[in-house]
N, C-alpha and C. Protein backbone atom coordinates (compact mmCIF):
# COMPACT_ATOMS: atom_id res chain seq x y z
N MET A 1 44.31 86.02 28.55
CA MET A 1 44.69 87.30 29.01
C MET A 1 46.18 87.49 28.78
N THR A 2 46.45 88.46 28.07
CA THR A 2 47.83 88.78 27.75
C THR A 2 48.15 90.16 28.28
N VAL A 3 49.35 90.22 28.76
CA VAL A 3 49.81 91.50 29.30
C VAL A 3 50.86 92.01 28.34
N GLN A 4 50.66 93.17 27.90
CA GLN A 4 51.63 93.77 27.00
C GLN A 4 52.33 94.91 27.72
N LEU A 5 53.65 94.85 27.65
CA LEU A 5 54.46 95.91 28.25
C LEU A 5 55.26 96.57 27.15
N GLU A 6 55.17 97.79 27.16
CA GLU A 6 55.96 98.52 26.18
C GLU A 6 57.28 98.91 26.84
N LEU A 7 58.17 99.39 26.05
CA LEU A 7 59.51 99.72 26.53
C LEU A 7 59.45 100.82 27.57
N TRP A 8 58.67 101.82 27.38
CA TRP A 8 58.63 102.92 28.34
C TRP A 8 58.02 102.46 29.65
N HIS A 9 57.13 101.41 29.61
CA HIS A 9 56.59 100.85 30.86
C HIS A 9 57.71 100.14 31.63
N LEU A 10 58.52 99.39 30.90
CA LEU A 10 59.65 98.68 31.55
C LEU A 10 60.64 99.68 32.13
N ILE A 11 60.91 100.72 31.36
CA ILE A 11 61.86 101.73 31.85
C ILE A 11 61.27 102.42 33.09
N THR A 12 60.00 102.72 33.10
CA THR A 12 59.36 103.35 34.24
C THR A 12 59.40 102.44 35.46
N LEU A 13 59.07 101.15 35.24
CA LEU A 13 59.14 100.17 36.35
C LEU A 13 60.56 100.06 36.89
N LEU A 14 61.53 100.00 35.97
CA LEU A 14 62.93 99.91 36.38
C LEU A 14 63.34 101.15 37.16
N LEU A 15 62.94 102.34 36.70
CA LEU A 15 63.27 103.57 37.42
C LEU A 15 62.58 103.60 38.78
N MET A 16 61.34 103.13 38.83
CA MET A 16 60.64 103.08 40.13
C MET A 16 61.34 102.12 41.09
N PHE A 17 61.75 100.96 40.57
CA PHE A 17 62.46 99.98 41.42
C PHE A 17 63.79 100.55 41.91
N LEU A 18 64.53 101.20 41.01
CA LEU A 18 65.80 101.81 41.40
C LEU A 18 65.57 102.95 42.40
N GLY A 19 64.51 103.72 42.21
CA GLY A 19 64.17 104.78 43.16
C GLY A 19 63.84 104.21 44.53
N PHE A 20 63.08 103.10 44.54
CA PHE A 20 62.75 102.44 45.80
C PHE A 20 64.02 101.93 46.49
N CYS A 21 64.90 101.29 45.72
CA CYS A 21 66.17 100.79 46.28
C CYS A 21 67.01 101.95 46.83
N PHE A 22 67.06 103.05 46.11
CA PHE A 22 67.82 104.21 46.56
C PHE A 22 67.22 104.77 47.86
N ALA A 23 65.90 104.89 47.91
CA ALA A 23 65.24 105.41 49.12
C ALA A 23 65.46 104.47 50.31
N ALA A 24 65.34 103.17 50.07
CA ALA A 24 65.55 102.20 51.16
C ALA A 24 67.00 102.26 51.63
N GLY A 25 67.94 102.36 50.69
CA GLY A 25 69.36 102.47 51.05
C GLY A 25 69.64 103.73 51.84
N LYS A 26 69.02 104.83 51.37
CA LYS A 26 69.21 106.09 52.09
C LYS A 26 68.63 106.01 53.49
N LEU A 27 67.50 105.37 53.66
CA LEU A 27 66.89 105.18 54.97
C LEU A 27 67.80 104.34 55.87
N LEU A 28 68.35 103.25 55.33
CA LEU A 28 69.27 102.42 56.12
C LEU A 28 70.52 103.20 56.53
N VAL A 29 71.07 103.95 55.60
CA VAL A 29 72.27 104.72 55.90
C VAL A 29 71.98 105.77 56.96
N SER A 30 70.82 106.40 56.88
CA SER A 30 70.49 107.41 57.90
C SER A 30 70.30 106.77 59.27
N GLN A 31 69.72 105.56 59.32
CA GLN A 31 69.59 104.86 60.60
C GLN A 31 70.97 104.48 61.16
N PHE A 32 71.84 104.01 60.30
CA PHE A 32 73.20 103.68 60.74
C PHE A 32 73.91 104.93 61.28
N GLU A 33 73.74 106.04 60.55
CA GLU A 33 74.36 107.29 61.01
C GLU A 33 73.82 107.71 62.37
N ARG A 34 72.52 107.57 62.56
CA ARG A 34 71.91 107.94 63.83
C ARG A 34 72.47 107.07 64.96
N GLN A 35 72.58 105.77 64.70
CA GLN A 35 73.13 104.87 65.72
C GLN A 35 74.59 105.20 66.02
N ILE A 36 75.34 105.50 64.98
CA ILE A 36 76.75 105.85 65.19
C ILE A 36 76.86 107.16 65.97
N ASP A 37 76.00 108.14 65.65
CA ASP A 37 76.01 109.39 66.40
C ASP A 37 75.69 109.17 67.87
N VAL A 38 74.71 108.30 68.14
CA VAL A 38 74.37 108.00 69.53
C VAL A 38 75.57 107.36 70.23
N ARG A 39 76.23 106.44 69.55
CA ARG A 39 77.40 105.78 70.15
C ARG A 39 78.52 106.77 70.40
N PHE A 40 78.76 107.67 69.43
CA PHE A 40 79.80 108.67 69.62
C PHE A 40 79.47 109.61 70.77
N ASP A 41 78.20 109.98 70.89
CA ASP A 41 77.81 110.83 72.01
C ASP A 41 78.04 110.12 73.34
N ALA A 42 77.69 108.82 73.38
CA ALA A 42 77.93 108.05 74.60
C ALA A 42 79.43 107.96 74.89
N GLN A 43 80.23 107.78 73.86
CA GLN A 43 81.68 107.72 74.04
C GLN A 43 82.21 109.06 74.55
N ALA A 44 81.66 110.14 74.03
CA ALA A 44 82.11 111.47 74.48
C ALA A 44 81.77 111.67 75.95
N VAL A 45 80.58 111.22 76.36
CA VAL A 45 80.20 111.34 77.78
C VAL A 45 81.14 110.50 78.64
N ARG A 46 81.40 109.28 78.20
CA ARG A 46 82.32 108.41 78.96
C ARG A 46 83.71 109.02 79.03
N LEU A 47 84.17 109.58 77.92
CA LEU A 47 85.49 110.20 77.90
C LEU A 47 85.54 111.39 78.86
N ALA A 48 84.47 112.17 78.89
CA ALA A 48 84.42 113.31 79.82
C ALA A 48 84.46 112.83 81.26
N GLU A 49 83.74 111.74 81.56
CA GLU A 49 83.76 111.17 82.91
C GLU A 49 85.15 110.67 83.27
N ILE A 50 85.81 110.03 82.32
CA ILE A 50 87.16 109.51 82.57
C ILE A 50 88.13 110.67 82.80
N GLU A 51 88.00 111.73 82.01
CA GLU A 51 88.87 112.90 82.22
C GLU A 51 88.64 113.51 83.59
N LYS A 52 87.38 113.59 84.02
CA LYS A 52 87.08 114.14 85.34
C LYS A 52 87.66 113.25 86.43
N ALA A 53 87.51 111.94 86.25
CA ALA A 53 88.08 111.01 87.24
C ALA A 53 89.60 111.14 87.27
N ASN A 54 90.23 111.31 86.12
CA ASN A 54 91.69 111.49 86.07
C ASN A 54 92.11 112.76 86.79
N LYS A 55 91.34 113.84 86.61
CA LYS A 55 91.67 115.09 87.31
C LYS A 55 91.54 114.90 88.82
N ASP A 56 90.48 114.20 89.25
CA ASP A 56 90.30 113.93 90.68
C ASP A 56 91.45 113.09 91.21
N ASP A 57 91.81 112.04 90.46
CA ASP A 57 92.92 111.19 90.88
C ASP A 57 94.21 111.98 90.93
N SER A 58 94.41 112.84 89.96
CA SER A 58 95.62 113.64 89.93
C SER A 58 95.70 114.55 91.14
N SER A 59 94.56 115.16 91.52
CA SER A 59 94.58 116.02 92.70
C SER A 59 94.83 115.20 93.97
N HIS A 60 94.27 114.00 94.02
CA HIS A 60 94.52 113.13 95.18
C HIS A 60 96.00 112.74 95.25
N TRP A 61 96.59 112.42 94.11
CA TRP A 61 98.00 112.05 94.10
C TRP A 61 98.88 113.24 94.49
N GLN A 62 98.50 114.43 94.06
CA GLN A 62 99.27 115.61 94.45
C GLN A 62 99.19 115.82 95.96
N ARG A 63 98.01 115.57 96.55
CA ARG A 63 97.87 115.70 98.00
C ARG A 63 98.74 114.67 98.71
N VAL A 64 98.74 113.44 98.19
CA VAL A 64 99.57 112.39 98.80
C VAL A 64 101.05 112.75 98.69
N GLU A 65 101.45 113.28 97.54
CA GLU A 65 102.85 113.67 97.38
C GLU A 65 103.23 114.79 98.35
N ARG A 66 102.32 115.77 98.55
CA ARG A 66 102.61 116.86 99.50
C ARG A 66 102.74 116.29 100.92
N GLU A 67 101.85 115.38 101.28
CA GLU A 67 101.94 114.77 102.62
C GLU A 67 103.24 113.99 102.78
N LEU A 68 103.64 113.28 101.72
CA LEU A 68 104.88 112.52 101.77
C LEU A 68 106.09 113.45 101.92
N MET A 69 106.06 114.58 101.21
CA MET A 69 107.16 115.54 101.34
C MET A 69 107.20 116.12 102.75
N GLY A 70 106.02 116.39 103.33
CA GLY A 70 105.97 116.86 104.71
C GLY A 70 106.54 115.83 105.67
N LEU A 71 106.21 114.57 105.42
CA LEU A 71 106.75 113.50 106.27
C LEU A 71 108.26 113.41 106.12
N LYS A 72 108.74 113.58 104.90
CA LYS A 72 110.19 113.55 104.69
C LYS A 72 110.86 114.71 105.42
N ALA A 73 110.19 115.85 105.49
CA ALA A 73 110.76 117.00 106.18
C ALA A 73 110.74 116.78 107.70
N GLU A 74 109.71 116.13 108.22
CA GLU A 74 109.60 115.89 109.66
C GLU A 74 110.48 114.74 110.13
N LEU A 75 110.72 113.80 109.27
CA LEU A 75 111.41 112.58 109.65
C LEU A 75 112.77 112.81 110.30
N PRO A 76 113.65 113.63 109.77
CA PRO A 76 114.95 113.82 110.41
C PRO A 76 114.83 114.46 111.80
N ILE A 77 113.77 115.22 112.02
CA ILE A 77 113.61 115.87 113.33
C ILE A 77 113.20 114.87 114.39
N SER A 78 112.29 113.96 114.05
CA SER A 78 111.75 113.05 115.06
C SER A 78 112.39 111.67 115.04
N TYR A 79 113.23 111.37 114.09
CA TYR A 79 113.81 110.04 113.97
C TYR A 79 115.26 110.08 114.44
N VAL A 80 115.63 109.09 115.25
CA VAL A 80 117.00 108.98 115.72
C VAL A 80 117.56 107.66 115.19
N ARG A 81 118.70 107.73 114.56
CA ARG A 81 119.29 106.50 114.04
C ARG A 81 119.82 105.64 115.17
N ARG A 82 119.91 104.38 114.94
CA ARG A 82 120.36 103.44 115.97
C ARG A 82 121.77 103.79 116.44
N ASP A 83 122.65 104.11 115.52
CA ASP A 83 124.03 104.46 115.87
C ASP A 83 124.07 105.70 116.76
N ASP A 84 123.26 106.70 116.44
CA ASP A 84 123.22 107.93 117.25
C ASP A 84 122.69 107.63 118.64
N TYR A 85 121.67 106.77 118.72
CA TYR A 85 121.09 106.42 120.01
C TYR A 85 122.13 105.67 120.86
N ILE A 86 122.83 104.73 120.25
CA ILE A 86 123.85 103.97 120.99
C ILE A 86 124.95 104.90 121.46
N ARG A 87 125.38 105.82 120.62
CA ARG A 87 126.43 106.77 121.00
C ARG A 87 125.95 107.62 122.18
N GLY A 88 124.73 108.11 122.12
CA GLY A 88 124.18 108.93 123.21
C GLY A 88 124.07 108.13 124.51
N GLN A 89 123.62 106.88 124.39
CA GLN A 89 123.51 106.03 125.58
C GLN A 89 124.90 105.75 126.16
N SER A 90 125.88 105.53 125.30
CA SER A 90 127.25 105.27 125.78
C SER A 90 127.78 106.47 126.55
N VAL A 91 127.54 107.66 126.06
CA VAL A 91 127.99 108.87 126.74
C VAL A 91 127.32 108.98 128.11
N LEU A 92 125.99 108.74 128.15
CA LEU A 92 125.28 108.81 129.43
C LEU A 92 125.79 107.76 130.42
N GLU A 93 126.00 106.55 129.92
CA GLU A 93 126.50 105.49 130.81
C GLU A 93 127.90 105.82 131.31
N ALA A 94 128.75 106.39 130.45
CA ALA A 94 130.09 106.75 130.88
C ALA A 94 130.03 107.83 131.96
N LYS A 95 129.12 108.81 131.80
CA LYS A 95 128.98 109.85 132.82
C LYS A 95 128.45 109.26 134.12
N LEU A 96 127.50 108.34 134.03
CA LEU A 96 126.97 107.69 135.25
C LEU A 96 128.05 106.86 135.93
N ASP A 97 128.88 106.17 135.12
CA ASP A 97 129.99 105.40 135.70
C ASP A 97 130.97 106.33 136.41
N GLY A 98 131.28 107.46 135.77
CA GLY A 98 132.18 108.43 136.40
C GLY A 98 131.59 108.97 137.69
N LEU A 99 130.30 109.25 137.70
CA LEU A 99 129.63 109.74 138.91
C LEU A 99 129.63 108.67 139.99
N ALA A 100 129.38 107.41 139.59
CA ALA A 100 129.39 106.31 140.57
C ALA A 100 130.79 106.15 141.17
N THR A 101 131.83 106.30 140.36
CA THR A 101 133.21 106.20 140.86
C THR A 101 133.48 107.32 141.86
N LYS A 102 133.04 108.54 141.56
CA LYS A 102 133.24 109.66 142.48
C LYS A 102 132.50 109.42 143.79
N ILE A 103 131.28 108.90 143.70
CA ILE A 103 130.52 108.61 144.93
C ILE A 103 131.21 107.54 145.75
N GLU A 104 131.71 106.49 145.10
CA GLU A 104 132.44 105.44 145.82
C GLU A 104 133.69 106.00 146.48
N ASN A 105 134.41 106.85 145.73
CA ASN A 105 135.61 107.46 146.31
C ASN A 105 135.26 108.32 147.52
N ALA A 106 134.17 109.08 147.41
CA ALA A 106 133.75 109.91 148.54
C ALA A 106 133.35 109.05 149.72
N GLN A 107 132.66 107.96 149.47
CA GLN A 107 132.27 107.05 150.55
C GLN A 107 133.51 106.42 151.20
N LEU A 108 134.49 106.03 150.37
CA LEU A 108 135.71 105.43 150.92
C LEU A 108 136.49 106.45 151.75
N ARG A 109 136.58 107.72 151.28
CA ARG A 109 137.26 108.74 152.06
C ARG A 109 136.55 108.97 153.39
N GLY A 110 135.22 108.98 153.33
CA GLY A 110 134.46 109.14 154.57
C GLY A 110 134.69 107.97 155.51
N LEU A 111 134.75 106.76 154.95
CA LEU A 111 135.00 105.57 155.77
C LEU A 111 136.40 105.62 156.37
N PHE A 112 137.40 106.01 155.57
CA PHE A 112 138.76 106.10 156.10
C PHE A 112 138.88 107.24 157.13
N ALA A 113 138.15 108.31 156.91
CA ALA A 113 138.21 109.40 157.85
C ALA A 113 137.59 108.96 159.18
N ARG A 114 136.56 108.19 159.20
CA ARG A 114 135.94 107.68 160.43
C ARG A 114 136.86 106.70 161.13
N GLN A 115 137.50 105.86 160.31
CA GLN A 115 138.40 104.89 160.94
C GLN A 115 139.63 105.60 161.53
N GLY A 116 140.11 106.64 160.86
CA GLY A 116 141.26 107.41 161.37
C GLY A 116 140.86 108.19 162.61
N ALA A 117 139.66 108.68 162.69
CA ALA A 117 139.20 109.46 163.84
C ALA A 117 138.89 108.53 165.01
N ALA A 118 138.48 107.31 164.68
CA ALA A 118 138.15 106.34 165.74
C ALA A 118 139.43 105.79 166.36
N GLU A 119 140.49 105.81 165.75
CA GLU A 119 141.73 105.26 166.30
C GLU A 119 142.39 106.22 167.14
């Protein structure tokens, strides 16, 4: 049994083989493209989620900054420095000492007046 191939048979077989290779390559490329598209879509969804999270974080940080500015505005009203407190206490103590001296003087005058009246 002998098989005879003519040139046009070989050319036809070669063209069929090349056509098969081209179709298989095209199928592989289309599958790769589909997978890449799916990955890009997933990346786009993730990126959108990250952007939304960033916007939420940004709004939270803006709220924190506003609260901090409010605290900075309230702080001088409700906070007394140590030096100011000591100065205020010194003034009060000096006034109390002056009042105590006046009371002692009044008591001594009353005591001397009683002793002078008793004699």
